Amino acid sequence: MTQTQHESAVAGTGQLDEAYQRLHATGPEIDGWLSNHGPMGAEAIVRRGHAAELGPWLDGYITRLEEFPRGLSPIGDGWRDALGDPRRIADWTGYFRAELAGQPWRVVLGTWWPRLLPGVVAAATHGVIRTGHAVRALLADGEDEPHLTELAHGLAYWAARWQTLPAGHQGAAAAAAQGRARAQAQPRDPAAASRTGLTGLSGKLAAVPRMAAVPRLAGQAGGIRDRLARLPELDGWPDALAGLPAPGTPEETRATLTALVDAATLSYLRYGHGNPVMLVHAATAPNAVLRVLPVLDPALWAPSLTAAWAASSALTAIYAPAGAAPPAPPPSEEPSSPGADQAASTFARAVGHGDAHVVKFADTALDVFGRTGDPGALAAAHQAADLIDP
């Protein structure tokens, strides 16, 4: 981000507060299932230095939203009974607003993250994605009432739509344990760690083939719940869950999760045409987890990686085509040697496009480009803009 963009992002904090306040009067879903992307898109637009465009963007987006729903009854010690009940979204929001009013937000997040993590695919991963954007805003802007309320809404949406994969979180955890056991049985040395992607940028080399090897659901049709329900019938799915390298330290966990985000973003170039909207979440969901990682107890990092891989690989399995398309060439108007200017123009195109998925994916792609310099990340963002209707 340039200095000018940074100053714009700082100045945009007040505009983001105003956007949050407008959006908190709306419900988290449209037509009973489609997620409200307004808060996530607004945060990304401000964070990338485009606060001046936030008002017009939100004016257009908010017209499609619905009023915030009424609650049924307060949630208390029996919160488990309300987990995964979308009728309780207002009750969950009230619950988390009260929790955040009485405790530091990091404490509330640390308590609820392991409770919600097994349901990482909730609302097509939008619960964890909205939470990730809210945490980034709090870290960047500081605490105020609209920012804390947005975290409450993110956690509440995650809780109300809480849903595990068909094999359950136990299945994902068992698969991860299998992978760790397999890794621990192998001799460990620095060269081997480098080759298997447990150090530095070479982690991407480990994540990419494992994403490519995720089995694909035949006859892809239906909504996400129908597709997820078919995962148990998919040959090779348990092995896919166990396929990510098993990190041995928190630093290796962070490197592997970062590599997963990088690989999922670049994979969009080859597979995004299969379902241009849904496959952006294979990258944005693990990136949301990565953004939250620094405020979590390191003991939660490994299960967070497990959940991120389960979500990304599940979305790949149920939406990505079996055959890859050749990578698209970069747009002709872009320079051949990408840099900060091209990254900025990539995000500017996403904002001009208008679709919230394009905006959020470009936001993740810029993260990837910023740490790797790989022009494929920006090309993936442009491809999303080409494939997704405004």
Protein backbone atom coordinates (compact mmCIF):
# COMPACT_ATOMS: atom_id res chain seq x y z
CA MET A 1 0.00 0.00 0.00
CA THR A 2 1.35 3.42 -0.94
CA GLN A 3 1.64 6.28 1.59
CA THR A 4 -1.30 8.01 -0.08
CA GLN A 5 -3.40 4.87 0.20
CA HIS A 6 -2.39 4.48 3.85
CA GLU A 7 -3.48 8.03 4.63
CA SER A 8 -6.72 7.40 2.79
CA ALA A 9 -7.30 4.24 4.82
CA VAL A 10 -6.71 6.12 8.08
CA ALA A 11 -9.09 8.87 7.02
CA GLY A 12 -11.57 6.22 5.97
CA THR A 13 -12.02 4.85 9.49
CA GLY A 14 -14.87 7.28 10.13
CA GLN A 15 -16.44 6.36 6.82
CA LEU A 16 -16.15 2.70 7.70
CA ASP A 17 -17.89 3.39 11.01
CA GLU A 18 -20.73 5.07 9.13
CA ALA A 19 -20.94 2.13 6.75
CA TYR A 20 -21.01 -0.34 9.64
CA GLN A 21 -23.82 1.60 11.31
CA ARG A 22 -25.90 1.55 8.14
CA LEU A 23 -25.22 -2.13 7.54
CA HIS A 24 -25.98 -3.19 11.11
CA ALA A 25 -29.59 -2.26 10.51
CA THR A 26 -29.69 -4.96 7.82
CA GLY A 27 -29.78 -8.73 8.13
CA PRO A 28 -26.85 -11.05 7.43
CA GLU A 29 -28.63 -12.75 4.53
CA ILE A 30 -30.72 -12.03 1.46
CA ASP A 31 -33.54 -14.29 0.30
CA GLY A 32 -33.01 -16.63 3.24
CA TRP A 33 -29.54 -17.88 2.34
CA LEU A 34 -27.35 -15.50 0.31
CA SER A 35 -24.87 -13.72 2.55
CA ASN A 36 -24.74 -9.97 3.07
CA HIS A 37 -21.26 -9.05 1.85
CA GLY A 38 -21.60 -5.35 2.60
CA PRO A 39 -19.48 -5.17 5.78
CA MET A 40 -16.69 -7.30 4.30
CA GLY A 41 -16.59 -5.38 1.04
CA ALA A 42 -16.71 -2.05 2.85
CA GLU A 43 -13.78 -2.98 5.08
CA ALA A 44 -11.69 -4.12 2.11
CA ILE A 45 -12.48 -0.95 0.14
CA VAL A 46 -11.35 1.27 3.03
CA ARG A 47 -8.33 -0.86 3.86
CA ARG A 48 -7.06 -0.62 0.29
CA GLY A 49 -7.30 3.17 0.23
CA HIS A 50 -10.57 3.61 -1.69
CA ALA A 51 -12.66 5.22 1.05
CA ALA A 52 -13.80 7.90 -1.38
CA GLU A 53 -15.63 5.23 -3.38
CA LEU A 54 -17.20 3.55 -0.36
CA GLY A 55 -20.32 5.73 -0.20
CA PRO A 56 -21.42 5.21 -3.81
CA TRP A 57 -20.55 1.52 -3.65
CA LEU A 58 -22.59 1.03 -0.48
CA ASP A 59 -25.50 3.10 -1.78
CA GLY A 60 -25.83 0.67 -4.66
CA TYR A 61 -25.28 -2.47 -2.59
CA ILE A 62 -27.55 -1.72 0.35
CA THR A 63 -30.68 -1.52 -1.78
CA ARG A 64 -30.74 -5.30 -2.11
CA LEU A 65 -30.50 -5.99 1.63
CA GLU A 66 -33.24 -6.88 4.10
CA GLU A 67 -34.06 -5.52 7.53
CA PHE A 68 -32.37 -7.01 10.55
CA PRO A 69 -34.57 -9.86 11.85
CA ARG A 70 -36.37 -10.03 15.17
CA GLY A 71 -35.08 -12.20 17.96
CA LEU A 72 -36.79 -15.12 19.68
CA SER A 73 -35.29 -15.21 23.16
CA PRO A 74 -31.98 -14.33 24.85
CA ILE A 75 -29.13 -16.83 24.67
CA GLY A 76 -27.48 -17.82 27.94
CA ASP A 77 -25.79 -20.87 29.41
CA GLY A 78 -27.71 -23.13 27.04
CA TRP A 79 -26.00 -21.61 24.00
CA ARG A 80 -25.25 -25.02 22.51
CA ASP A 81 -28.95 -25.50 21.80
CA ALA A 82 -28.93 -22.36 19.65
CA LEU A 83 -25.77 -23.24 17.72
CA GLY A 84 -26.52 -23.69 14.04
CA ASP A 85 -30.06 -22.28 14.31
CA PRO A 86 -30.43 -19.43 11.78
CA ARG A 87 -33.67 -18.34 13.43
CA ARG A 88 -31.54 -17.17 16.37
CA ILE A 89 -29.31 -14.73 14.45
CA ALA A 90 -30.69 -11.70 16.32
CA ASP A 91 -30.37 -13.54 19.63
CA TRP A 92 -26.77 -14.45 18.87
CA THR A 93 -26.01 -10.85 17.89
CA GLY A 94 -27.40 -9.59 21.18
CA TYR A 95 -25.41 -12.22 23.03
CA PHE A 96 -22.09 -11.26 21.45
CA ARG A 97 -22.75 -7.55 21.82
CA ALA A 98 -23.20 -8.13 25.55
CA GLU A 99 -20.08 -10.29 25.74
CA LEU A 100 -17.99 -7.67 23.96
CA ALA A 101 -19.36 -4.92 26.20
CA GLY A 102 -18.23 -6.83 29.29
CA GLN A 103 -14.87 -8.28 28.20
CA PRO A 104 -11.96 -7.32 25.94
CA TRP A 105 -12.65 -8.40 22.38
CA ARG A 106 -9.54 -10.57 22.25
CA VAL A 107 -10.80 -12.53 25.26
CA VAL A 108 -14.21 -13.07 23.69
CA LEU A 109 -12.62 -14.13 20.41
CA GLY A 110 -10.23 -16.50 22.19
CA THR A 111 -13.14 -18.14 24.01
CA TRP A 112 -15.39 -18.55 20.99
CA TRP A 113 -12.89 -19.26 18.22
CA PRO A 114 -12.37 -22.93 19.22
CA ARG A 115 -16.11 -23.35 19.73
CA LEU A 116 -16.98 -22.02 16.28
CA LEU A 117 -13.99 -23.40 14.38
CA PRO A 118 -15.48 -26.88 13.81
CA GLY A 119 -18.27 -25.12 11.88
CA VAL A 120 -15.88 -23.25 9.59
CA VAL A 121 -17.99 -24.00 6.49
CA ALA A 122 -20.99 -22.21 8.05
CA ALA A 123 -22.83 -20.04 5.52
CA ALA A 124 -20.39 -21.10 2.80
CA THR A 125 -17.53 -19.88 5.06
CA HIS A 126 -18.94 -16.35 5.33
CA GLY A 127 -19.07 -16.53 9.13
CA VAL A 128 -15.31 -16.90 9.43
CA ILE A 129 -14.70 -14.47 6.54
CA ARG A 130 -16.80 -11.72 8.11
CA THR A 131 -15.08 -12.33 11.44
CA GLY A 132 -11.66 -12.09 9.76
CA HIS A 133 -12.49 -8.73 8.21
CA ALA A 134 -13.80 -7.45 11.55
CA VAL A 135 -10.61 -8.49 13.33
CA ARG A 136 -8.43 -6.82 10.70
CA ALA A 137 -10.42 -3.61 11.13
CA LEU A 138 -10.02 -3.70 14.90
CA LEU A 139 -6.27 -4.25 14.62
CA ALA A 140 -5.84 -1.49 12.05
CA ASP A 141 -8.27 1.13 13.36
CA GLY A 142 -8.56 0.46 17.08
CA GLU A 143 -11.66 -0.19 19.14
CA ASP A 144 -14.86 1.78 18.87
CA GLU A 145 -18.51 0.83 19.12
CA PRO A 146 -19.18 0.22 15.40
CA HIS A 147 -16.06 -1.93 15.02
CA LEU A 148 -16.89 -4.02 18.10
CA THR A 149 -20.48 -4.37 16.93
CA GLU A 150 -19.25 -5.64 13.57
CA LEU A 151 -17.24 -8.34 15.35
CA ALA A 152 -20.41 -9.27 17.24
CA HIS A 153 -22.31 -9.58 13.96
CA GLY A 154 -19.58 -11.72 12.41
CA LEU A 155 -19.41 -14.13 15.33
CA ALA A 156 -23.21 -14.22 15.56
CA TYR A 157 -23.61 -15.13 11.90
CA TRP A 158 -21.02 -17.87 12.28
CA ALA A 159 -22.81 -19.27 15.34
CA ALA A 160 -26.30 -19.09 13.81
CA ARG A 161 -25.22 -20.89 10.63
CA TRP A 162 -22.73 -23.20 12.38
CA GLN A 163 -22.28 -26.33 10.29
CA THR A 164 -19.61 -29.02 10.22
CA LEU A 165 -18.46 -30.94 7.21
CA PRO A 166 -20.29 -34.27 6.74
CA ALA A 167 -17.46 -36.19 8.39
CA GLY A 168 -17.65 -33.71 11.26
CA HIS A 169 -14.81 -31.76 12.77
CA GLN A 170 -13.73 -35.01 14.38
CA GLY A 171 -13.15 -36.41 10.91
CA ALA A 172 -11.04 -33.43 9.88
CA ALA A 173 -9.13 -33.57 13.16
CA ALA A 174 -8.58 -37.32 12.75
CA ALA A 175 -7.30 -36.75 9.23
CA ALA A 176 -4.94 -34.05 10.48
CA ALA A 177 -3.71 -36.40 13.22
CA GLN A 178 -3.10 -39.05 10.58
CA GLY A 179 -1.05 -36.57 8.59
CA ARG A 180 0.94 -35.56 11.68
CA ALA A 181 1.62 -39.19 12.57
CA ARG A 182 2.79 -39.88 9.03
CA ALA A 183 5.08 -36.85 9.14
CA GLN A 184 6.48 -37.73 12.56
CA ALA A 185 7.36 -41.20 11.30
CA GLN A 186 9.63 -39.67 8.67
CA PRO A 187 13.19 -38.50 9.43
CA ARG A 188 13.27 -34.75 9.85
CA ASP A 189 16.07 -32.54 8.63
CA PRO A 190 16.25 -28.94 7.38
CA ALA A 191 16.50 -29.93 3.73
CA ALA A 192 13.47 -32.19 4.01
CA ALA A 193 11.53 -29.47 5.80
CA SER A 194 12.30 -27.10 2.96
CA ARG A 195 11.22 -29.59 0.32
CA THR A 196 7.94 -30.35 2.08
CA GLY A 197 7.04 -26.71 2.42
CA LEU A 198 7.51 -26.19 6.13
CA THR A 199 9.88 -23.26 5.80
CA GLY A 200 9.55 -19.97 4.02
CA LEU A 201 7.99 -19.49 0.62
CA SER A 202 8.64 -23.10 -0.38
CA GLY A 203 5.46 -23.89 1.55
CA LYS A 204 3.56 -22.89 -1.58
CA LEU A 205 5.24 -25.73 -3.44
CA ALA A 206 3.78 -28.18 -0.95
CA ALA A 207 0.28 -26.72 -0.92
CA VAL A 208 -0.17 -26.44 -4.69
CA PRO A 209 0.06 -30.14 -5.63
CA ARG A 210 -2.16 -31.11 -2.72
CA MET A 211 -4.84 -28.69 -3.87
CA ALA A 212 -4.54 -30.04 -7.39
CA ALA A 213 -4.88 -33.56 -6.01
CA VAL A 214 -8.11 -32.88 -4.12
CA PRO A 215 -10.73 -35.22 -5.66
CA ARG A 216 -13.62 -33.61 -7.49
CA LEU A 217 -17.28 -34.35 -6.98
CA ALA A 218 -18.81 -35.87 -10.09
CA GLY A 219 -21.99 -34.35 -11.47
CA GLN A 220 -21.58 -31.07 -9.65
CA ALA A 221 -25.06 -29.66 -9.15
CA GLY A 222 -27.21 -28.20 -6.39
CA GLY A 223 -26.49 -25.81 -3.54
CA ILE A 224 -23.57 -25.95 -1.16
CA ARG A 225 -25.42 -27.97 1.50
CA ASP A 226 -26.34 -30.64 -1.05
CA ARG A 227 -22.82 -30.78 -2.38
CA LEU A 228 -21.18 -30.95 1.05
CA ALA A 229 -23.53 -33.79 1.98
CA ARG A 230 -22.09 -35.81 -0.91
CA LEU A 231 -18.47 -35.56 0.22
CA PRO A 232 -18.53 -38.90 2.10
CA GLU A 233 -19.19 -40.70 -1.19
CA LEU A 234 -16.14 -39.10 -2.81
CA ASP A 235 -13.19 -41.48 -3.20
CA GLY A 236 -10.02 -40.02 -1.77
CA TRP A 237 -11.71 -37.38 0.38
CA PRO A 238 -10.28 -38.64 3.73
CA ASP A 239 -6.81 -38.75 2.17
CA ALA A 240 -7.27 -35.22 0.89
CA LEU A 241 -8.06 -33.97 4.38
CA ALA A 242 -4.87 -35.60 5.62
CA GLY A 243 -2.81 -34.33 2.70
CA LEU A 244 -1.50 -31.04 4.03
CA PRO A 245 2.01 -31.08 5.55
CA ALA A 246 2.00 -31.38 9.32
CA PRO A 247 3.82 -28.39 10.83
CA GLY A 248 5.79 -28.87 14.01
CA THR A 249 5.92 -25.33 15.37
CA PRO A 250 3.64 -22.28 15.39
CA GLU A 251 5.95 -20.57 12.91
CA GLU A 252 5.65 -23.52 10.54
CA THR A 253 1.89 -23.49 11.01
CA ARG A 254 1.72 -19.85 9.98
CA ALA A 255 3.98 -20.54 6.98
CA THR A 256 1.83 -23.45 5.86
CA LEU A 257 -1.40 -21.50 6.23
CA THR A 258 0.14 -18.63 4.28
CA ALA A 259 1.17 -21.11 1.59
CA LEU A 260 -2.39 -22.42 1.44
CA VAL A 261 -3.77 -18.93 0.83
CA ASP A 262 -1.17 -18.33 -1.88
CA ALA A 263 -1.89 -21.65 -3.57
CA ALA A 264 -5.67 -21.26 -3.44
CA THR A 265 -5.42 -17.79 -4.97
CA LEU A 266 -3.20 -18.96 -7.81
CA SER A 267 -5.37 -22.04 -8.36
CA TYR A 268 -8.24 -19.75 -9.30
CA LEU A 269 -6.45 -19.13 -12.58
CA ARG A 270 -6.83 -22.79 -13.50
CA TYR A 271 -10.14 -23.71 -11.89
CA GLY A 272 -12.09 -20.49 -11.26
CA HIS A 273 -14.16 -20.99 -14.40
CA GLY A 274 -15.82 -23.98 -12.71
CA ASN A 275 -17.80 -21.73 -10.38
CA PRO A 276 -16.39 -18.21 -10.42
CA VAL A 277 -18.25 -16.97 -7.32
CA MET A 278 -17.96 -19.94 -4.98
CA LEU A 279 -14.32 -20.72 -5.70
CA VAL A 280 -13.12 -17.32 -4.51
CA HIS A 281 -13.94 -18.57 -0.99
CA ALA A 282 -11.36 -21.35 -1.30
CA ALA A 283 -8.84 -18.50 -0.93
CA THR A 284 -10.69 -15.87 1.09
CA ALA A 285 -11.74 -18.29 3.86
CA PRO A 286 -8.21 -19.45 4.76
CA ASN A 287 -7.05 -15.84 4.43
CA ALA A 288 -9.62 -14.84 7.04
CA VAL A 289 -8.15 -17.46 9.37
CA LEU A 290 -4.64 -16.18 8.63
CA ARG A 291 -5.68 -12.63 9.54
CA VAL A 292 -7.01 -13.77 12.91
CA LEU A 293 -4.02 -15.99 13.75
CA PRO A 294 -1.87 -13.25 15.41
CA VAL A 295 -4.47 -12.54 18.11
CA LEU A 296 -5.01 -16.21 18.98
CA ASP A 297 -3.19 -18.35 21.50
CA PRO A 298 -0.54 -20.26 19.49
CA ALA A 299 -2.13 -23.46 20.79
CA LEU A 300 -5.07 -22.66 18.49
CA TRP A 301 -2.96 -22.20 15.38
CA ALA A 302 -2.73 -25.88 14.39
CA PRO A 303 -6.50 -26.53 14.65
CA SER A 304 -7.05 -23.28 12.77
CA LEU A 305 -4.87 -24.56 9.93
CA THR A 306 -6.77 -27.86 9.97
CA ALA A 307 -10.09 -26.02 9.66
CA ALA A 308 -8.80 -23.70 6.94
CA TRP A 309 -7.53 -26.63 4.88
CA ALA A 310 -10.79 -28.54 5.40
CA ALA A 311 -12.82 -25.55 4.16
CA SER A 312 -10.59 -24.78 1.18
CA SER A 313 -10.30 -28.39 0.07
CA ALA A 314 -14.05 -28.97 0.50
CA LEU A 315 -14.90 -25.99 -1.69
CA THR A 316 -12.37 -27.18 -4.25
CA ALA A 317 -13.84 -30.69 -4.21
CA ILE A 318 -17.44 -29.60 -4.72
CA TYR A 319 -16.99 -26.69 -7.15
CA ALA A 320 -13.72 -26.99 -9.07
CA PRO A 321 -13.80 -28.82 -12.40
CA ALA A 322 -11.72 -31.93 -12.93
CA GLY A 323 -9.89 -30.33 -15.84
CA ALA A 324 -7.86 -27.17 -15.52
CA ALA A 325 -8.12 -24.31 -17.97
CA PRO A 326 -4.91 -22.79 -19.33
CA PRO A 327 -3.90 -19.72 -17.36
CA ALA A 328 -5.40 -16.54 -18.77
CA PRO A 329 -2.94 -13.96 -20.13
CA PRO A 330 -2.67 -10.70 -18.19
CA PRO A 331 -4.88 -7.86 -19.43
CA SER A 332 -3.27 -6.16 -22.41
CA GLU A 333 -3.42 -2.73 -20.79
CA GLU A 334 -1.35 -3.83 -17.79
CA PRO A 335 2.46 -3.51 -17.77
CA SER A 336 4.48 -6.68 -18.24
CA SER A 337 6.39 -6.16 -14.96
CA PRO A 338 3.86 -5.84 -12.14
CA GLY A 339 4.52 -3.61 -9.18
CA ALA A 340 2.75 -1.41 -6.68
CA ASP A 341 1.02 0.56 -9.43
CA GLN A 342 -0.36 -2.55 -11.06
CA ALA A 343 -1.53 -3.89 -7.70
CA ALA A 344 -3.34 -0.61 -7.06
CA SER A 345 -4.94 -0.66 -10.49
CA THR A 346 -6.02 -4.26 -9.95
CA PHE A 347 -7.94 -3.33 -6.84
CA ALA A 348 -9.29 -0.17 -8.46
CA ARG A 349 -10.73 -2.35 -11.21
CA ALA A 350 -12.38 -4.57 -8.59
CA VAL A 351 -14.03 -1.59 -6.91
CA GLY A 352 -15.17 -0.27 -10.27
CA HIS A 353 -16.57 -3.69 -11.12
CA GLY A 354 -18.70 -3.49 -7.99
CA ASP A 355 -19.34 -7.12 -7.10
CA ALA A 356 -18.40 -7.82 -3.49
CA HIS A 357 -16.84 -11.20 -4.34
CA VAL A 358 -14.56 -9.53 -6.86
CA VAL A 359 -13.60 -6.90 -4.27
CA LYS A 360 -12.88 -9.43 -1.52
CA PHE A 361 -10.92 -11.75 -3.81
CA ALA A 362 -8.83 -8.84 -5.12
CA ASP A 363 -8.13 -7.92 -1.49
CA THR A 364 -6.76 -11.41 -0.85
CA ALA A 365 -4.88 -11.44 -4.16
CA LEU A 366 -3.11 -8.22 -3.16
CA ASP A 367 -2.05 -9.88 0.10
CA VAL A 368 -0.56 -12.73 -1.91
CA PHE A 369 1.14 -10.45 -4.42
CA GLY A 370 2.52 -8.27 -1.62
CA ARG A 371 4.41 -11.14 -0.02
CA THR A 372 5.32 -13.20 -3.12
CA GLY A 373 5.55 -10.74 -6.02
CA ASP A 374 3.85 -13.41 -8.14
CA PRO A 375 1.99 -11.70 -11.00
CA GLY A 376 -0.35 -14.69 -11.11
CA ALA A 377 -2.07 -13.37 -8.00
CA LEU A 378 -3.06 -10.17 -9.79
CA ALA A 379 -4.01 -12.14 -12.89
CA ALA A 380 -6.33 -14.25 -10.74
CA ALA A 381 -8.03 -11.10 -9.46
CA HIS A 382 -8.52 -9.87 -13.01
CA GLN A 383 -9.89 -13.26 -14.00
CA ALA A 384 -12.50 -13.07 -11.23
CA ALA A 385 -13.55 -9.66 -12.56
CA ASP A 386 -13.84 -11.15 -16.04
CA LEU A 387 -15.84 -14.20 -14.95
CA ILE A 388 -18.24 -12.69 -12.38
CA ASP A 389 -21.07 -10.47 -13.56
CA PRO A 390 -21.10 -6.94 -12.10
